[in-house]
């Protein structure tokens, strides 16, 4: 899916004669952060889903909530200044804003990028730890 989206973006860039700036070299870093966050969350949620069957009904709500509090459909610039630090603690903010910065030269809050990096790596490591800790009990629940 990522490859298909990249091809679509490349076609649109050529069609509209848009040339990304030098920030595009940081795009793999933000994609890596997104992958680490997704994998860590997946390890954690899948472990909980095996043990607690009803957890599968909570997952779509969590995903939808995550999309609403991440700057997918809006710019981070609309968030009031007094809420920026709390808002930047959402790792999705740093990742999405970082990708926008790489491709479209949008403003970037370094606090959100640092928070995204720390939280993404922490989620990944904690997700692996939790998965390995609960993995031995999977056969009992399945």
N, C-alpha and C. Protein backbone atom coordinates (compact mmCIF):
# COMPACT_ATOMS: atom_id res chain seq x y z
N UNK A 1 0.83 -1.19 0.00
CA UNK A 1 0.00 0.00 0.00
C UNK A 1 0.88 1.26 0.00
N UNK A 2 1.97 1.22 0.77
CA UNK A 2 2.87 2.37 0.80
C UNK A 2 3.46 2.63 -0.59
N UNK A 3 3.83 1.56 -1.28
CA UNK A 3 4.40 1.70 -2.62
C UNK A 3 3.37 2.29 -3.59
N UNK A 4 2.14 1.84 -3.49
CA UNK A 4 1.09 2.37 -4.37
C UNK A 4 0.87 3.85 -4.09
N UNK A 5 0.83 4.23 -2.82
CA UNK A 5 0.67 5.65 -2.47
C UNK A 5 1.85 6.48 -2.94
N UNK A 6 3.06 5.93 -2.86
CA UNK A 6 4.24 6.65 -3.32
C UNK A 6 4.18 6.89 -4.83
N UNK A 7 3.72 5.90 -5.56
CA UNK A 7 3.58 6.05 -7.02
C UNK A 7 2.53 7.12 -7.34
N UNK A 8 1.42 7.10 -6.62
CA UNK A 8 0.38 8.10 -6.84
C UNK A 8 0.92 9.50 -6.54
N UNK A 9 1.66 9.65 -5.45
CA UNK A 9 2.25 10.95 -5.13
C UNK A 9 3.24 11.37 -6.20
N UNK A 10 4.05 10.44 -6.69
CA UNK A 10 5.02 10.78 -7.74
C UNK A 10 4.31 11.25 -9.00
N UNK A 11 3.24 10.57 -9.38
CA UNK A 11 2.48 10.98 -10.56
C UNK A 11 1.88 12.37 -10.36
N UNK A 12 1.32 12.62 -9.18
CA UNK A 12 0.75 13.94 -8.90
C UNK A 12 1.82 15.03 -8.88
N UNK A 13 2.99 14.71 -8.34
CA UNK A 13 4.08 15.68 -8.33
C UNK A 13 4.50 16.03 -9.75
N UNK A 14 4.58 15.04 -10.62
CA UNK A 14 4.94 15.30 -12.01
C UNK A 14 3.83 16.07 -12.71
N UNK A 15 2.59 15.67 -12.48
CA UNK A 15 1.44 16.32 -13.13
C UNK A 15 1.37 17.80 -12.78
N UNK A 16 1.56 18.11 -11.51
CA UNK A 16 1.48 19.51 -11.06
C UNK A 16 2.83 20.22 -11.07
N UNK A 17 3.84 19.55 -11.58
CA UNK A 17 5.20 20.09 -11.69
C UNK A 17 5.71 20.61 -10.35
N UNK A 18 5.50 19.79 -9.32
CA UNK A 18 5.94 20.13 -7.96
C UNK A 18 7.26 19.41 -7.69
N UNK A 19 8.24 20.15 -7.22
CA UNK A 19 9.53 19.57 -6.87
C UNK A 19 9.71 19.69 -5.36
N UNK A 20 9.78 18.55 -4.65
CA UNK A 20 9.98 18.63 -3.20
C UNK A 20 11.35 19.23 -2.88
N UNK A 21 11.45 19.83 -1.70
CA UNK A 21 12.72 20.43 -1.31
C UNK A 21 13.64 19.38 -0.68
N UNK A 22 14.74 19.82 -0.12
CA UNK A 22 15.75 18.91 0.41
C UNK A 22 15.28 18.16 1.65
N UNK A 23 14.18 18.60 2.27
CA UNK A 23 13.66 17.92 3.46
C UNK A 23 13.22 16.50 3.17
N UNK A 24 13.02 16.19 1.90
CA UNK A 24 12.51 14.87 1.53
C UNK A 24 13.49 13.75 1.93
N UNK A 25 14.75 14.09 2.18
CA UNK A 25 15.71 13.06 2.59
C UNK A 25 15.40 12.51 3.98
N UNK A 26 14.59 13.24 4.76
CA UNK A 26 14.21 12.78 6.10
C UNK A 26 12.93 11.94 6.10
N UNK A 27 12.32 11.77 4.95
CA UNK A 27 11.08 11.00 4.86
C UNK A 27 11.23 9.57 5.37
N UNK A 28 12.31 8.84 5.04
CA UNK A 28 12.44 7.48 5.59
C UNK A 28 12.48 7.44 7.12
N UNK A 29 13.01 8.47 7.75
CA UNK A 29 13.03 8.52 9.21
C UNK A 29 11.61 8.57 9.78
N UNK A 30 10.77 9.40 9.19
CA UNK A 30 9.39 9.51 9.68
C UNK A 30 8.59 8.25 9.34
N UNK A 31 8.89 7.63 8.21
CA UNK A 31 8.22 6.36 7.89
C UNK A 31 8.65 5.27 8.87
N UNK A 32 9.92 5.27 9.26
CA UNK A 32 10.40 4.31 10.25
C UNK A 32 9.70 4.52 11.60
N UNK A 33 9.54 5.77 12.00
CA UNK A 33 8.82 6.05 13.25
C UNK A 33 7.38 5.55 13.18
N UNK A 34 6.74 5.74 12.03
CA UNK A 34 5.36 5.25 11.87
C UNK A 34 5.31 3.73 11.95
N UNK A 35 6.29 3.07 11.36
CA UNK A 35 6.33 1.60 11.39
C UNK A 35 6.57 1.11 12.81
N UNK A 36 7.50 1.74 13.53
CA UNK A 36 7.77 1.33 14.92
C UNK A 36 6.54 1.52 15.80
N UNK A 37 5.86 2.63 15.63
CA UNK A 37 4.65 2.89 16.42
C UNK A 37 3.56 1.87 16.08
N UNK A 38 3.39 1.58 14.81
CA UNK A 38 2.36 0.62 14.39
C UNK A 38 2.69 -0.79 14.88
N UNK A 39 3.95 -1.20 14.76
CA UNK A 39 4.32 -2.54 15.22
C UNK A 39 4.18 -2.68 16.73
N UNK A 40 4.64 -1.69 17.47
CA UNK A 40 4.53 -1.75 18.92
C UNK A 40 3.08 -1.81 19.37
N UNK A 41 2.25 -1.00 18.76
CA UNK A 41 0.82 -1.02 19.10
C UNK A 41 0.19 -2.35 18.72
N UNK A 42 0.59 -2.90 17.59
CA UNK A 42 0.05 -4.18 17.13
C UNK A 42 0.44 -5.31 18.06
N UNK A 43 1.70 -5.35 18.48
CA UNK A 43 2.12 -6.40 19.42
C UNK A 43 1.31 -6.33 20.71
N UNK A 44 1.15 -5.14 21.22
CA UNK A 44 0.43 -4.94 22.48
C UNK A 44 -1.05 -5.30 22.33
N UNK A 45 -1.69 -4.78 21.30
CA UNK A 45 -3.12 -5.01 21.11
C UNK A 45 -3.42 -6.46 20.76
N UNK A 46 -2.56 -7.09 19.96
CA UNK A 46 -2.81 -8.50 19.61
C UNK A 46 -2.68 -9.40 20.83
N UNK A 47 -1.75 -9.09 21.72
CA UNK A 47 -1.62 -9.87 22.96
C UNK A 47 -2.86 -9.72 23.83
N UNK A 48 -3.35 -8.50 23.95
CA UNK A 48 -4.57 -8.28 24.73
C UNK A 48 -5.78 -8.94 24.07
N UNK A 49 -5.80 -8.95 22.75
CA UNK A 49 -6.92 -9.54 22.03
C UNK A 49 -6.99 -11.06 22.22
N UNK A 50 -5.85 -11.71 22.35
CA UNK A 50 -5.84 -13.15 22.58
C UNK A 50 -6.39 -13.45 23.97
N UNK A 51 -5.95 -12.68 24.94
CA UNK A 51 -6.35 -12.94 26.32
C UNK A 51 -7.78 -12.49 26.62
N UNK A 52 -8.14 -11.34 26.11
CA UNK A 52 -9.48 -10.79 26.34
C UNK A 52 -10.19 -10.68 25.00
N UNK A 53 -11.05 -11.62 24.70
CA UNK A 53 -11.71 -11.69 23.39
C UNK A 53 -12.54 -10.44 23.09
N UNK A 54 -13.12 -9.84 24.08
CA UNK A 54 -13.95 -8.66 23.86
C UNK A 54 -13.13 -7.43 23.50
N UNK A 55 -11.83 -7.51 23.64
CA UNK A 55 -10.97 -6.37 23.32
C UNK A 55 -11.03 -6.03 21.83
N UNK A 56 -11.39 -7.01 21.00
CA UNK A 56 -11.48 -6.75 19.56
C UNK A 56 -12.53 -5.69 19.22
N UNK A 57 -13.51 -5.52 20.09
CA UNK A 57 -14.54 -4.51 19.84
C UNK A 57 -14.09 -3.11 20.26
N UNK A 58 -13.07 -3.03 21.06
CA UNK A 58 -12.53 -1.75 21.51
C UNK A 58 -11.54 -1.18 20.50
N UNK A 59 -10.87 -2.06 19.76
CA UNK A 59 -9.81 -1.64 18.84
C UNK A 59 -10.30 -0.62 17.80
N UNK A 60 -11.43 -0.84 17.10
CA UNK A 60 -11.86 0.19 16.13
C UNK A 60 -12.10 1.55 16.78
N UNK A 61 -12.61 1.56 17.99
CA UNK A 61 -12.82 2.83 18.70
C UNK A 61 -11.48 3.51 18.97
N UNK A 62 -10.48 2.75 19.40
CA UNK A 62 -9.15 3.31 19.68
C UNK A 62 -8.54 3.87 18.40
N UNK A 63 -8.66 3.14 17.30
CA UNK A 63 -8.11 3.60 16.02
C UNK A 63 -8.81 4.88 15.57
N UNK A 64 -10.13 4.91 15.68
CA UNK A 64 -10.87 6.10 15.28
C UNK A 64 -10.51 7.30 16.16
N UNK A 65 -10.37 7.08 17.44
CA UNK A 65 -9.97 8.15 18.35
C UNK A 65 -8.57 8.66 17.99
N UNK A 66 -7.67 7.73 17.68
CA UNK A 66 -6.32 8.13 17.28
C UNK A 66 -6.30 8.97 16.02
N UNK A 67 -7.19 8.67 15.08
CA UNK A 67 -7.26 9.47 13.86
C UNK A 67 -7.85 10.85 14.14
N UNK A 68 -8.79 10.94 15.06
CA UNK A 68 -9.38 12.25 15.38
C UNK A 68 -8.40 13.16 16.11
N UNK A 69 -7.51 12.60 16.92
CA UNK A 69 -6.59 13.45 17.68
C UNK A 69 -5.25 13.62 16.98
N UNK A 70 -5.11 13.05 15.79
CA UNK A 70 -3.91 13.26 14.98
C UNK A 70 -4.25 14.24 13.86
N UNK A 71 -3.25 14.98 13.37
CA UNK A 71 -3.53 16.01 12.37
C UNK A 71 -3.71 15.44 10.96
N UNK A 72 -4.63 14.50 10.80
CA UNK A 72 -4.86 13.91 9.49
C UNK A 72 -5.71 14.85 8.64
N UNK A 73 -6.82 15.30 9.16
CA UNK A 73 -7.73 16.14 8.40
C UNK A 73 -7.61 17.61 8.68
N UNK A 74 -6.64 17.99 9.49
CA UNK A 74 -6.46 19.40 9.81
C UNK A 74 -4.98 19.67 10.06
N UNK A 75 -4.63 20.91 10.10
CA UNK A 75 -3.25 21.31 10.35
C UNK A 75 -3.01 21.48 11.85
N UNK A 76 -1.81 21.21 12.29
CA UNK A 76 -1.47 21.41 13.70
C UNK A 76 -1.49 22.88 14.09
N UNK A 77 -1.47 23.75 13.11
CA UNK A 77 -1.47 25.19 13.38
C UNK A 77 -2.79 25.65 14.00
N UNK A 78 -3.86 24.87 13.86
CA UNK A 78 -5.15 25.29 14.41
C UNK A 78 -5.26 25.00 15.90
N UNK A 79 -4.31 24.26 16.45
CA UNK A 79 -4.33 23.93 17.88
C UNK A 79 -3.85 25.16 18.66
N UNK A 80 -4.62 25.59 19.67
CA UNK A 80 -4.21 26.76 20.45
C UNK A 80 -2.85 26.53 21.13
N UNK A 81 -2.14 27.61 21.32
CA UNK A 81 -0.78 27.54 21.88
C UNK A 81 -0.74 26.87 23.24
N UNK A 82 -1.73 27.11 24.08
CA UNK A 82 -1.71 26.54 25.43
C UNK A 82 -1.87 25.02 25.42
N UNK A 83 -2.37 24.44 24.34
CA UNK A 83 -2.56 22.99 24.25
C UNK A 83 -1.48 22.30 23.41
N UNK A 84 -0.54 23.05 22.87
CA UNK A 84 0.44 22.49 21.95
C UNK A 84 1.31 21.41 22.58
N UNK A 85 1.76 21.61 23.82
CA UNK A 85 2.63 20.62 24.46
C UNK A 85 1.89 19.31 24.70
N UNK A 86 0.67 19.40 25.18
CA UNK A 86 -0.14 18.19 25.36
C UNK A 86 -0.44 17.54 24.02
N UNK A 87 -0.75 18.34 23.04
CA UNK A 87 -1.03 17.85 21.69
C UNK A 87 0.20 17.17 21.09
N UNK A 88 1.37 17.72 21.35
CA UNK A 88 2.62 17.16 20.82
C UNK A 88 2.97 15.82 21.46
N UNK A 89 2.34 15.49 22.58
CA UNK A 89 2.62 14.19 23.21
C UNK A 89 1.99 13.03 22.44
N UNK A 90 1.11 13.32 21.50
CA UNK A 90 0.56 12.30 20.62
C UNK A 90 1.61 11.99 19.55
N UNK A 91 2.12 10.76 19.48
CA UNK A 91 3.17 10.46 18.52
C UNK A 91 2.73 10.62 17.07
N UNK A 92 1.44 10.50 16.81
CA UNK A 92 0.95 10.69 15.44
C UNK A 92 1.15 12.10 14.94
N UNK A 93 1.13 13.06 15.85
CA UNK A 93 1.32 14.46 15.48
C UNK A 93 2.71 14.68 14.90
N UNK A 94 3.73 14.21 15.60
CA UNK A 94 5.10 14.39 15.12
C UNK A 94 5.35 13.67 13.81
N UNK A 95 4.76 12.49 13.66
CA UNK A 95 4.98 11.71 12.44
C UNK A 95 4.28 12.36 11.25
N UNK A 96 3.00 12.71 11.40
CA UNK A 96 2.25 13.31 10.30
C UNK A 96 2.82 14.69 9.95
N UNK A 97 3.10 15.50 10.96
CA UNK A 97 3.69 16.81 10.69
C UNK A 97 5.07 16.68 10.05
N UNK A 98 5.83 15.66 10.46
CA UNK A 98 7.14 15.43 9.86
C UNK A 98 7.04 15.06 8.39
N UNK A 99 6.08 14.22 8.05
CA UNK A 99 5.89 13.85 6.65
C UNK A 99 5.44 15.06 5.84
N UNK A 100 4.56 15.86 6.40
CA UNK A 100 4.14 17.09 5.71
C UNK A 100 5.31 18.05 5.53
N UNK A 101 6.18 18.12 6.53
CA UNK A 101 7.37 18.97 6.44
C UNK A 101 8.29 18.48 5.33
N UNK A 102 8.47 17.17 5.25
CA UNK A 102 9.34 16.59 4.22
C UNK A 102 8.81 16.85 2.81
N UNK A 103 7.53 16.68 2.62
CA UNK A 103 6.97 16.77 1.27
C UNK A 103 6.51 18.16 0.88
N UNK A 104 5.97 18.92 1.84
CA UNK A 104 5.32 20.18 1.49
C UNK A 104 5.90 21.39 2.21
N UNK A 105 6.97 21.21 2.97
CA UNK A 105 7.62 22.29 3.70
C UNK A 105 6.67 22.99 4.68
N UNK A 106 5.81 22.20 5.31
CA UNK A 106 4.91 22.73 6.34
C UNK A 106 5.71 23.02 7.61
N UNK A 107 5.18 23.85 8.50
CA UNK A 107 5.90 24.11 9.75
C UNK A 107 6.03 22.84 10.59
N UNK A 108 7.11 22.76 11.34
CA UNK A 108 7.39 21.56 12.12
C UNK A 108 7.76 21.96 13.54
N UNK A 109 7.08 21.34 14.52
CA UNK A 109 7.42 21.55 15.92
C UNK A 109 8.40 20.45 16.32
N UNK A 110 9.61 20.82 16.68
CA UNK A 110 10.60 19.81 17.04
C UNK A 110 10.20 19.05 18.30
N UNK A 111 9.44 19.69 19.19
CA UNK A 111 8.98 18.99 20.39
C UNK A 111 8.14 17.77 20.02
N UNK A 112 7.28 17.94 19.01
CA UNK A 112 6.43 16.82 18.61
C UNK A 112 7.22 15.73 17.92
N UNK A 113 8.27 16.09 17.20
CA UNK A 113 9.11 15.08 16.54
C UNK A 113 9.89 14.28 17.59
N UNK A 114 10.44 14.97 18.57
CA UNK A 114 11.18 14.29 19.63
C UNK A 114 10.24 13.39 20.43
N UNK A 115 9.06 13.90 20.75
CA UNK A 115 8.08 13.08 21.48
C UNK A 115 7.67 11.88 20.65
N UNK A 116 7.47 12.06 19.35
CA UNK A 116 7.09 10.95 18.48
C UNK A 116 8.18 9.89 18.43
N UNK A 117 9.43 10.33 18.36
CA UNK A 117 10.54 9.37 18.31
C UNK A 117 10.63 8.58 19.61
N UNK A 118 10.58 9.27 20.73
CA UNK A 118 10.69 8.59 22.03
C UNK A 118 9.51 7.65 22.25
N UNK A 119 8.30 8.13 21.99
CA UNK A 119 7.11 7.31 22.23
C UNK A 119 7.05 6.14 21.25
N UNK A 120 7.42 6.35 20.00
CA UNK A 120 7.39 5.26 19.02
C UNK A 120 8.36 4.15 19.39
N UNK A 121 9.57 4.51 19.76
CA UNK A 121 10.56 3.50 20.18
C UNK A 121 10.10 2.82 21.46
N UNK A 122 9.56 3.59 22.40
CA UNK A 122 9.08 3.00 23.66
C UNK A 122 7.91 2.05 23.40
N UNK A 123 6.97 2.43 22.55
CA UNK A 123 5.85 1.55 22.21
C UNK A 123 6.36 0.27 21.57
N UNK A 124 7.33 0.40 20.68
CA UNK A 124 7.88 -0.77 20.01
C UNK A 124 8.53 -1.72 21.01
N UNK A 125 9.38 -1.18 21.87
CA UNK A 125 10.08 -2.03 22.85
C UNK A 125 9.12 -2.61 23.87
N UNK A 126 8.19 -1.81 24.37
CA UNK A 126 7.20 -2.32 25.32
C UNK A 126 6.26 -3.33 24.67
N UNK A 127 5.91 -3.10 23.42
CA UNK A 127 5.05 -4.04 22.70
C UNK A 127 5.71 -5.39 22.53
N UNK A 128 7.00 -5.39 22.15
CA UNK A 128 7.74 -6.65 22.02
C UNK A 128 7.85 -7.33 23.38
N UNK A 129 8.18 -6.56 24.41
CA UNK A 129 8.32 -7.14 25.75
C UNK A 129 7.00 -7.76 26.21
N UNK A 130 5.90 -7.04 26.04
CA UNK A 130 4.59 -7.54 26.48
C UNK A 130 4.17 -8.77 25.67
N UNK A 131 4.44 -8.75 24.37
CA UNK A 131 4.09 -9.89 23.53
C UNK A 131 4.86 -11.13 23.96
N UNK A 132 6.16 -10.98 24.17
CA UNK A 132 6.97 -12.13 24.59
C UNK A 132 6.59 -12.61 25.99
N UNK A 133 6.20 -11.69 26.84
CA UNK A 133 5.80 -12.06 28.20
C UNK A 133 4.50 -12.87 28.18
N UNK A 134 3.57 -12.50 27.34
CA UNK A 134 2.26 -13.17 27.31
C UNK A 134 2.18 -14.28 26.27
N UNK A 135 3.18 -14.41 25.44
CA UNK A 135 3.16 -15.39 24.34
C UNK A 135 3.01 -16.83 24.85
N UNK A 136 3.62 -17.14 25.98
CA UNK A 136 3.56 -18.50 26.50
C UNK A 136 2.15 -18.89 26.95
N UNK A 137 1.30 -17.90 27.21
CA UNK A 137 -0.07 -18.17 27.65
C UNK A 137 -1.07 -18.23 26.49
N UNK A 138 -0.63 -17.95 25.27
CA UNK A 138 -1.55 -17.90 24.14
C UNK A 138 -2.28 -19.22 23.93
N UNK A 139 -1.57 -20.33 24.05
CA UNK A 139 -2.18 -21.64 23.81
C UNK A 139 -3.30 -21.92 24.81
N UNK A 140 -3.18 -21.40 26.02
CA UNK A 140 -4.22 -21.61 27.03
C UNK A 140 -5.51 -20.89 26.67
N UNK A 141 -5.40 -19.76 25.98
CA UNK A 141 -6.58 -18.96 25.67
C UNK A 141 -7.18 -19.30 24.31
N UNK A 142 -6.37 -19.86 23.43
CA UNK A 142 -6.87 -20.20 22.09
C UNK A 142 -7.43 -21.58 22.13
